[in-house]
């Protein structure tokens, strides 16, 4: 049941980092800032959820 927590956490973490470092600055430069706050929130949530999932997966699998 908890076998894929680390893998899914890494995927979520990388999605969040990509949103925060690549996509949001591009949108900010292209002057289409209507969706910028939504993408920033989504990026932070994905990054934090991915990190917590990775930590939980390592903790559960280390038993």
C-alpha atoms as a PDB file:
ATOM      1  CA  UNK A   1       0.000   0.000   0.000  1.00  0.00           C
ATOM      2  CA  UNK A   2       2.817   2.422   0.823  1.00  0.00           C
ATOM      3  CA  UNK A   3       5.282   1.101  -1.749  1.00  0.00           C
ATOM      4  CA  UNK A   4       4.974   4.041  -4.118  1.00  0.00           C
ATOM      5  CA  UNK A   5       5.126   6.934  -1.654  1.00  0.00           C
ATOM      6  CA  UNK A   6       8.745   7.775  -2.395  1.00  0.00           C
ATOM      7  CA  UNK A   7       8.305   7.581  -6.172  1.00  0.00           C
ATOM      8  CA  UNK A   8       5.115   9.652  -6.141  1.00  0.00           C
ATOM      9  CA  UNK A   9       6.715  12.104  -3.735  1.00  0.00           C
ATOM     10  CA  UNK A  10       9.667  12.611  -6.056  1.00  0.00           C
ATOM     11  CA  UNK A  11       7.318  13.195  -8.990  1.00  0.00           C
ATOM     12  CA  UNK A  12       5.242  15.736  -7.036  1.00  0.00           C
ATOM     13  CA  UNK A  13       8.371  17.454  -5.753  1.00  0.00           C
ATOM     14  CA  UNK A  14       9.807  17.783  -9.254  1.00  0.00           C
ATOM     15  CA  UNK A  15       6.509  19.089 -10.629  1.00  0.00           C
ATOM     16  CA  UNK A  16       6.413  21.722  -7.902  1.00  0.00           C
ATOM     17  CA  UNK A  17      10.009  22.784  -8.441  1.00  0.00           C
ATOM     18  CA  UNK A  18       9.447  22.998 -12.192  1.00  0.00           C
ATOM     19  CA  UNK A  19       6.377  25.161 -11.701  1.00  0.00           C
ATOM     20  CA  UNK A  20       8.202  27.489  -9.341  1.00  0.00           C
ATOM     21  CA  UNK A  21      11.488  27.766 -11.258  1.00  0.00           C
ATOM     22  CA  UNK A  22      10.574  27.498 -14.935  1.00  0.00           C
ATOM     23  CA  UNK A  23       6.912  28.148 -15.647  1.00  0.00           C
ATOM     24  CA  UNK A  24       6.095  30.979 -13.223  1.00  0.00           C
ATOM     25  CA  UNK A  25       9.021  33.213 -14.318  1.00  0.00           C
ATOM     26  CA  UNK A  26       8.067  32.640 -17.961  1.00  0.00           C
ATOM     27  CA  UNK A  27       4.474  33.679 -17.302  1.00  0.00           C
ATOM     28  CA  UNK A  28       5.668  36.686 -15.307  1.00  0.00           C
ATOM     29  CA  UNK A  29       7.843  37.839 -18.226  1.00  0.00           C
ATOM     30  CA  UNK A  30       5.155  37.296 -20.844  1.00  0.00           C
ATOM     31  CA  UNK A  31       2.798  39.650 -18.991  1.00  0.00           C
ATOM     32  CA  UNK A  32       0.018  37.066 -18.682  1.00  0.00           C
ATOM     33  CA  UNK A  33      -0.144  37.279 -14.931  1.00  0.00           C
ATOM     34  CA  UNK A  34      -3.806  36.267 -14.475  1.00  0.00           C
ATOM     35  CA  UNK A  35      -2.860  32.678 -13.661  1.00  0.00           C
ATOM     36  CA  UNK A  36       0.369  33.438 -11.829  1.00  0.00           C
ATOM     37  CA  UNK A  37      -1.002  33.306  -8.237  1.00  0.00           C
ATOM     38  CA  UNK A  38      -2.767  30.028  -8.975  1.00  0.00           C
ATOM     39  CA  UNK A  39       0.389  28.467 -10.407  1.00  0.00           C
ATOM     40  CA  UNK A  40       2.472  29.724  -7.498  1.00  0.00           C
ATOM     41  CA  UNK A  41       0.082  28.136  -5.000  1.00  0.00           C
ATOM     42  CA  UNK A  42      -0.018  24.913  -7.000  1.00  0.00           C
ATOM     43  CA  UNK A  43       3.778  24.844  -7.188  1.00  0.00           C
ATOM     44  CA  UNK A  44       4.229  25.321  -3.450  1.00  0.00           C
ATOM     45  CA  UNK A  45       1.547  22.769  -2.590  1.00  0.00           C
ATOM     46  CA  UNK A  46       3.030  20.181  -4.956  1.00  0.00           C
ATOM     47  CA  UNK A  47       6.536  20.785  -3.597  1.00  0.00           C
ATOM     48  CA  UNK A  48       5.490  20.470   0.041  1.00  0.00           C
ATOM     49  CA  UNK A  49       3.200  17.487  -0.570  1.00  0.00           C
ATOM     50  CA  UNK A  50       5.944  15.731  -2.540  1.00  0.00           C
ATOM     51  CA  UNK A  51       8.529  16.326   0.167  1.00  0.00           C
ATOM     52  CA  UNK A  52       6.203  15.039   2.902  1.00  0.00           C
ATOM     53  CA  UNK A  53       5.328  12.008   0.774  1.00  0.00           C
ATOM     54  CA  UNK A  54       9.016  11.225   0.215  1.00  0.00           C
ATOM     55  CA  UNK A  55       9.757  11.460   3.932  1.00  0.00           C
ATOM     56  CA  UNK A  56       6.724   9.329   4.828  1.00  0.00           C
ATOM     57  CA  UNK A  57       7.683   6.732   2.218  1.00  0.00           C
ATOM     58  CA  UNK A  58      11.230   6.465   3.531  1.00  0.00           C
ATOM     59  CA  UNK A  59       9.955   6.237   7.104  1.00  0.00           C
ATOM     60  CA  UNK A  60       7.404   3.514   6.291  1.00  0.00           C
ATOM     61  CA  UNK A  61       9.829   1.505   4.135  1.00  0.00           C
ATOM     62  CA  UNK A  62      12.582   1.627   6.756  1.00  0.00           C
ATOM     63  CA  UNK A  63      10.681  -0.600   9.177  1.00  0.00           C
END
